[in-house]
Amino acid sequence: MANPLRRWLAQSELFSFNVVRRDRWIAAQARELPPGTKVLDVGAGSCPYRHFFAHCKYETQDFVALCGDQLRNGGYGQIDYVCDLTAIPRPAGSFDAVLCTEVLEHHPEPIAVVKELGRVLAPGGRLILTAPLGSGIHQEPYHYYGGYTPWWYERFLKEAGFEDINIAANEGSLRFFGQESLRFVRTTSPFSSNLPVAIRLLWFPIWIVLAPLLGVVLPVSCKLLDKHDREQRFTVGYHVSARRSVAIPHS
């Protein structure tokens, strides 16, 4: 019963909107690529997006240093280029599109990474990029940065030779607050907490009262009200697309 419930929660837009909406956006980006497009998925890990690019010539890159339980599907998929992300062993202009999703925060030199992505992209090639604005520590010890702002993308993607940069928040502040409310309910559960038994017994009746409010009422309210958030200062992250400039030759 636990596994079906966990799968349902992972696929629920209400309870796992960050991943669900990101996957939906990447699927839409993939559909816009013509058949036969040469795509490189960098930091591909378990390759969860391979099926989105079934109509393309899809290849993958990763440094393959994480444990299975640190990866989305419990292990690495087929990786074509095992290397550092700043030194992809392919000539300049080898790919028509590059997918880089939730990777930048895990590399110590993200500016060098976007320059390398620009190098392997053909002029006019498409970059499909996501990264968090803020997240808890994960995939340790390979987590170096808290997140990236729109101004980071504007500055360093332009410096790397990209244009037509489109940056969209993955929902606003209220959805972020709803996500953290759900995280609070999960991490303080007296059924799975690492707290001492005596404290768990004292916390249990309080948690029972708070769980429906923080785990259902608040996330639903945040979902309904989020469209009114104009500033989106606490979004979970950004979905970014850009094109490699045809005016800047590869070095």
Protein backbone atom coordinates (compact mmCIF):
# COMPACT_ATOMS: atom_id res chain seq x y z
CA MET A 1 0.00 0.00 0.00
CA ALA A 2 2.84 2.35 0.85
CA ASN A 3 4.46 2.14 -2.59
CA PRO A 4 1.27 2.94 -4.60
CA LEU A 5 0.58 5.83 -2.23
CA ARG A 6 4.14 7.10 -2.64
CA ARG A 7 3.85 6.86 -6.42
CA TRP A 8 0.54 8.73 -6.36
CA LEU A 9 1.99 11.50 -4.21
CA ALA A 10 5.02 11.76 -6.53
CA GLN A 11 2.72 12.20 -9.53
CA SER A 12 0.30 14.60 -7.84
CA GLU A 13 0.45 18.20 -9.01
CA LEU A 14 -0.79 19.29 -5.58
CA PHE A 15 1.74 17.42 -3.49
CA SER A 16 4.75 17.29 -5.88
CA PHE A 17 4.17 20.30 -8.12
CA ASN A 18 7.87 21.12 -8.47
CA VAL A 19 8.76 17.87 -10.25
CA VAL A 20 5.41 17.46 -12.01
CA ARG A 21 5.43 20.94 -13.54
CA ARG A 22 9.10 20.69 -14.46
CA ASP A 23 8.53 17.39 -16.23
CA ARG A 24 5.54 18.85 -18.05
CA TRP A 25 7.60 21.83 -19.22
CA ILE A 26 10.47 19.63 -20.45
CA ALA A 27 8.00 17.42 -22.32
CA ALA A 28 6.60 20.51 -24.06
CA GLN A 29 10.11 21.68 -24.98
CA ALA A 30 10.91 18.24 -26.39
CA ARG A 31 7.78 18.24 -28.57
CA GLU A 32 8.97 21.44 -30.25
CA LEU A 33 12.15 19.78 -31.51
CA PRO A 34 12.02 18.35 -35.05
CA PRO A 35 12.56 14.62 -35.56
CA GLY A 36 16.22 13.71 -35.76
CA THR A 37 17.40 16.61 -33.58
CA LYS A 38 20.75 15.82 -31.94
CA VAL A 39 20.14 16.19 -28.21
CA LEU A 40 22.61 15.95 -25.33
CA ASP A 41 21.16 15.45 -21.84
CA VAL A 42 23.86 16.59 -19.40
CA GLY A 43 23.90 15.38 -15.83
CA ALA A 44 21.36 12.86 -17.06
CA GLY A 45 21.51 10.56 -14.03
CA SER A 46 18.78 7.94 -14.39
CA CYS A 47 17.72 9.48 -17.74
CA PRO A 48 14.08 10.15 -16.73
CA TYR A 49 13.53 12.26 -19.86
CA ARG A 50 14.80 9.81 -22.47
CA HIS A 51 11.27 8.92 -23.61
CA PHE A 52 10.43 12.59 -24.20
CA PHE A 53 13.16 12.67 -26.85
CA ALA A 54 12.38 9.35 -28.54
CA HIS A 55 12.00 11.19 -31.86
CA CYS A 56 15.48 12.70 -31.50
CA LYS A 57 19.06 11.42 -31.56
CA TYR A 58 19.40 11.43 -27.79
CA GLU A 59 22.75 11.12 -25.98
CA THR A 60 23.70 11.55 -22.34
CA GLN A 61 26.50 12.85 -20.13
CA ASP A 62 27.16 12.44 -16.41
CA PHE A 63 30.09 12.14 -14.02
CA VAL A 64 28.56 8.95 -12.50
CA ALA A 65 29.66 9.51 -8.91
CA LEU A 66 26.38 9.36 -6.99
CA CYS A 67 24.88 6.41 -5.16
CA GLY A 68 21.74 4.79 -6.49
CA ASP A 69 19.55 6.08 -3.66
CA GLN A 70 20.58 9.64 -4.59
CA LEU A 71 19.11 9.31 -8.07
CA ARG A 72 15.52 9.78 -9.11
CA ASN A 73 14.94 6.24 -10.37
CA GLY A 74 17.38 4.49 -8.07
CA GLY A 75 20.32 4.16 -10.46
CA TYR A 76 22.04 5.53 -13.53
CA GLY A 77 20.62 5.07 -17.00
CA GLN A 78 22.73 4.54 -20.09
CA ILE A 79 25.40 7.26 -20.03
CA ASP A 80 27.27 7.91 -23.28
CA TYR A 81 29.88 10.38 -22.01
CA VAL A 82 31.28 9.85 -18.52
CA CYS A 83 33.17 13.08 -17.91
CA ASP A 84 33.25 16.40 -16.16
CA LEU A 85 30.59 18.77 -17.42
CA THR A 86 33.14 21.42 -18.32
CA ALA A 87 35.02 19.05 -20.64
CA ILE A 88 32.56 17.17 -22.86
CA PRO A 89 34.58 15.08 -25.35
CA ARG A 90 32.76 16.27 -28.46
CA PRO A 91 33.70 18.89 -31.08
CA ALA A 92 32.20 22.36 -30.97
CA GLY A 93 28.72 22.58 -32.46
CA SER A 94 27.99 18.85 -32.14
CA PHE A 95 24.40 19.14 -30.87
CA ASP A 96 21.22 20.90 -31.91
CA ALA A 97 19.82 20.96 -28.36
CA VAL A 98 21.14 20.53 -24.84
CA LEU A 99 19.04 19.55 -21.83
CA CYS A 100 20.45 20.56 -18.43
CA THR A 101 17.97 20.05 -15.63
CA GLU A 102 18.69 20.48 -11.89
CA VAL A 103 22.43 20.18 -12.51
CA LEU A 104 24.04 23.62 -12.11
CA GLU A 105 23.87 23.59 -8.32
CA HIS A 106 25.90 20.38 -8.29
CA HIS A 107 28.95 21.65 -10.18
CA PRO A 108 31.61 23.82 -8.53
CA GLU A 109 31.99 25.94 -11.70
CA PRO A 110 28.51 26.66 -13.10
CA ILE A 111 29.71 29.57 -15.23
CA ALA A 112 32.21 27.29 -16.93
CA VAL A 113 29.40 24.78 -17.41
CA VAL A 114 27.16 27.16 -19.38
CA LYS A 115 30.14 28.16 -21.51
CA GLU A 116 30.76 24.50 -22.30
CA LEU A 117 27.10 24.00 -23.16
CA GLY A 118 27.39 26.93 -25.53
CA ARG A 119 30.49 25.37 -27.09
CA VAL A 120 28.89 22.00 -27.89
CA LEU A 121 25.72 23.60 -29.26
CA ALA A 122 25.52 24.41 -32.95
CA PRO A 123 24.77 28.05 -33.85
CA GLY A 124 21.04 28.51 -33.37
CA GLY A 125 20.96 25.44 -31.11
CA ARG A 126 18.53 25.28 -28.23
CA LEU A 127 19.29 25.19 -24.50
CA ILE A 128 16.65 23.69 -22.17
CA LEU A 129 17.66 24.47 -18.60
CA THR A 130 16.23 24.25 -15.09
CA ALA A 131 17.76 24.83 -11.68
CA PRO A 132 16.43 25.66 -8.22
CA LEU A 133 16.28 29.08 -6.64
CA GLY A 134 16.41 27.48 -3.23
CA SER A 135 16.57 23.89 -2.06
CA GLY A 136 17.70 21.79 0.82
CA ILE A 137 20.99 19.94 0.66
CA HIS A 138 20.74 16.92 -1.63
CA GLN A 139 23.02 14.59 -3.58
CA GLU A 140 25.74 15.43 -1.07
CA PRO A 141 28.64 16.02 -1.13
CA TYR A 142 28.05 17.32 -4.68
CA HIS A 143 25.79 20.24 -3.78
CA TYR A 144 27.62 23.55 -3.99
CA TYR A 145 25.07 26.32 -4.55
CA GLY A 146 21.67 27.27 -3.16
CA GLY A 147 20.19 28.40 -6.45
CA TYR A 148 20.14 30.82 -9.38
CA THR A 149 18.26 34.04 -9.99
CA PRO A 150 16.94 35.47 -13.29
CA TRP A 151 19.80 37.94 -13.26
CA TRP A 152 22.32 35.10 -13.09
CA TYR A 153 20.82 33.54 -16.21
CA GLU A 154 20.65 36.85 -18.04
CA ARG A 155 24.25 37.72 -17.33
CA PHE A 156 26.07 34.43 -17.71
CA LEU A 157 24.03 32.92 -20.53
CA LYS A 158 24.65 36.08 -22.57
CA GLU A 159 28.36 35.87 -21.77
CA ALA A 160 28.31 32.24 -22.94
CA GLY A 161 26.87 33.29 -26.31
CA PHE A 162 23.15 32.73 -25.80
CA GLU A 163 20.26 34.91 -26.92
CA ASP A 164 16.44 34.75 -26.89
CA ILE A 165 16.64 33.92 -23.18
CA ASN A 166 13.25 33.07 -21.68
CA ILE A 167 12.98 32.66 -17.91
CA ALA A 168 9.80 31.46 -16.19
CA ALA A 169 9.29 30.79 -12.50
CA ASN A 170 8.11 27.32 -11.55
CA GLU A 171 5.10 28.74 -9.67
CA GLY A 172 5.23 31.53 -7.11
CA SER A 173 5.91 32.14 -3.45
CA LEU A 174 2.67 30.67 -2.15
CA ARG A 175 3.26 27.32 -3.85
CA PHE A 176 6.74 27.38 -2.34
CA PHE A 177 5.25 27.97 1.11
CA GLY A 178 2.80 25.14 0.52
CA GLN A 179 5.66 22.83 -0.44
CA GLU A 180 7.54 23.67 2.75
CA SER A 181 4.40 23.14 4.81
CA LEU A 182 4.15 19.62 3.39
CA ARG A 183 7.84 19.11 4.12
CA PHE A 184 7.26 20.14 7.75
CA VAL A 185 4.46 17.60 8.12
CA ARG A 186 6.60 14.81 6.65
CA THR A 187 9.80 15.57 8.56
CA THR A 188 8.06 15.93 11.94
CA SER A 189 5.87 12.85 11.61
CA PRO A 190 5.89 11.01 14.95
CA PHE A 191 5.65 7.76 12.97
CA SER A 192 9.03 8.20 11.32
CA SER A 193 10.78 10.89 13.34
CA ASN A 194 14.24 10.47 14.85
CA LEU A 195 13.06 12.31 17.94
CA PRO A 196 13.28 10.52 21.30
CA VAL A 197 10.26 8.38 22.10
CA ALA A 198 9.09 10.62 24.97
CA ILE A 199 9.08 13.71 22.74
CA ARG A 200 7.32 11.80 19.97
CA LEU A 201 4.53 10.84 22.39
CA LEU A 202 4.14 14.46 23.48
CA TRP A 203 4.25 15.71 19.88
CA PHE A 204 1.81 13.14 18.50
CA PRO A 205 -1.50 14.84 19.49
CA ILE A 206 -0.22 18.22 18.29
CA TRP A 207 0.90 16.72 14.97
CA ILE A 208 -2.48 15.01 14.52
CA VAL A 209 -4.19 18.40 14.80
CA LEU A 210 -1.70 20.25 12.57
CA ALA A 211 -1.27 17.61 9.83
CA PRO A 212 -4.64 18.18 8.07
CA LEU A 213 -4.14 21.95 8.17
CA LEU A 214 -0.51 22.02 7.08
CA GLY A 215 -0.68 18.96 4.84
CA VAL A 216 -3.94 19.65 2.99
CA VAL A 217 -5.67 22.95 3.79
CA LEU A 218 -2.60 25.16 3.48
CA PRO A 219 -1.20 23.55 0.27
CA VAL A 220 -4.64 23.72 -1.40
CA SER A 221 -5.04 27.35 -0.34
CA CYS A 222 -1.55 28.17 -1.62
CA LYS A 223 -2.37 26.56 -4.97
CA LEU A 224 -5.54 28.60 -5.34
CA LEU A 225 -3.98 31.90 -4.24
CA ASP A 226 -0.64 31.55 -5.99
CA LYS A 227 -1.86 33.16 -9.23
CA HIS A 228 -2.13 36.44 -7.34
CA ASP A 229 1.57 36.46 -6.44
CA ARG A 230 3.11 38.99 -8.80
CA GLU A 231 6.63 39.12 -7.34
CA GLN A 232 7.39 35.35 -7.10
CA ARG A 233 10.40 36.00 -4.89
CA PHE A 234 10.32 32.55 -3.31
CA THR A 235 9.71 30.35 -6.34
CA VAL A 236 11.26 26.88 -6.14
CA GLY A 237 13.20 27.48 -9.36
CA TYR A 238 13.17 28.60 -12.97
CA HIS A 239 12.55 27.06 -16.36
CA VAL A 240 14.92 28.62 -18.89
CA SER A 241 15.21 28.30 -22.64
CA ALA A 242 17.72 30.05 -24.87
CA ARG A 243 19.35 29.82 -28.31
CA ARG A 244 23.01 29.73 -29.18
CA SER A 245 23.79 32.91 -31.04
CA VAL A 246 24.60 32.45 -34.73
CA ALA A 247 26.71 35.61 -34.60
CA ILE A 248 29.29 34.30 -32.13
CA PRO A 249 31.63 31.64 -33.56
CA HIS A 250 32.75 28.70 -31.42
CA SER A 251 36.26 29.08 -30.04
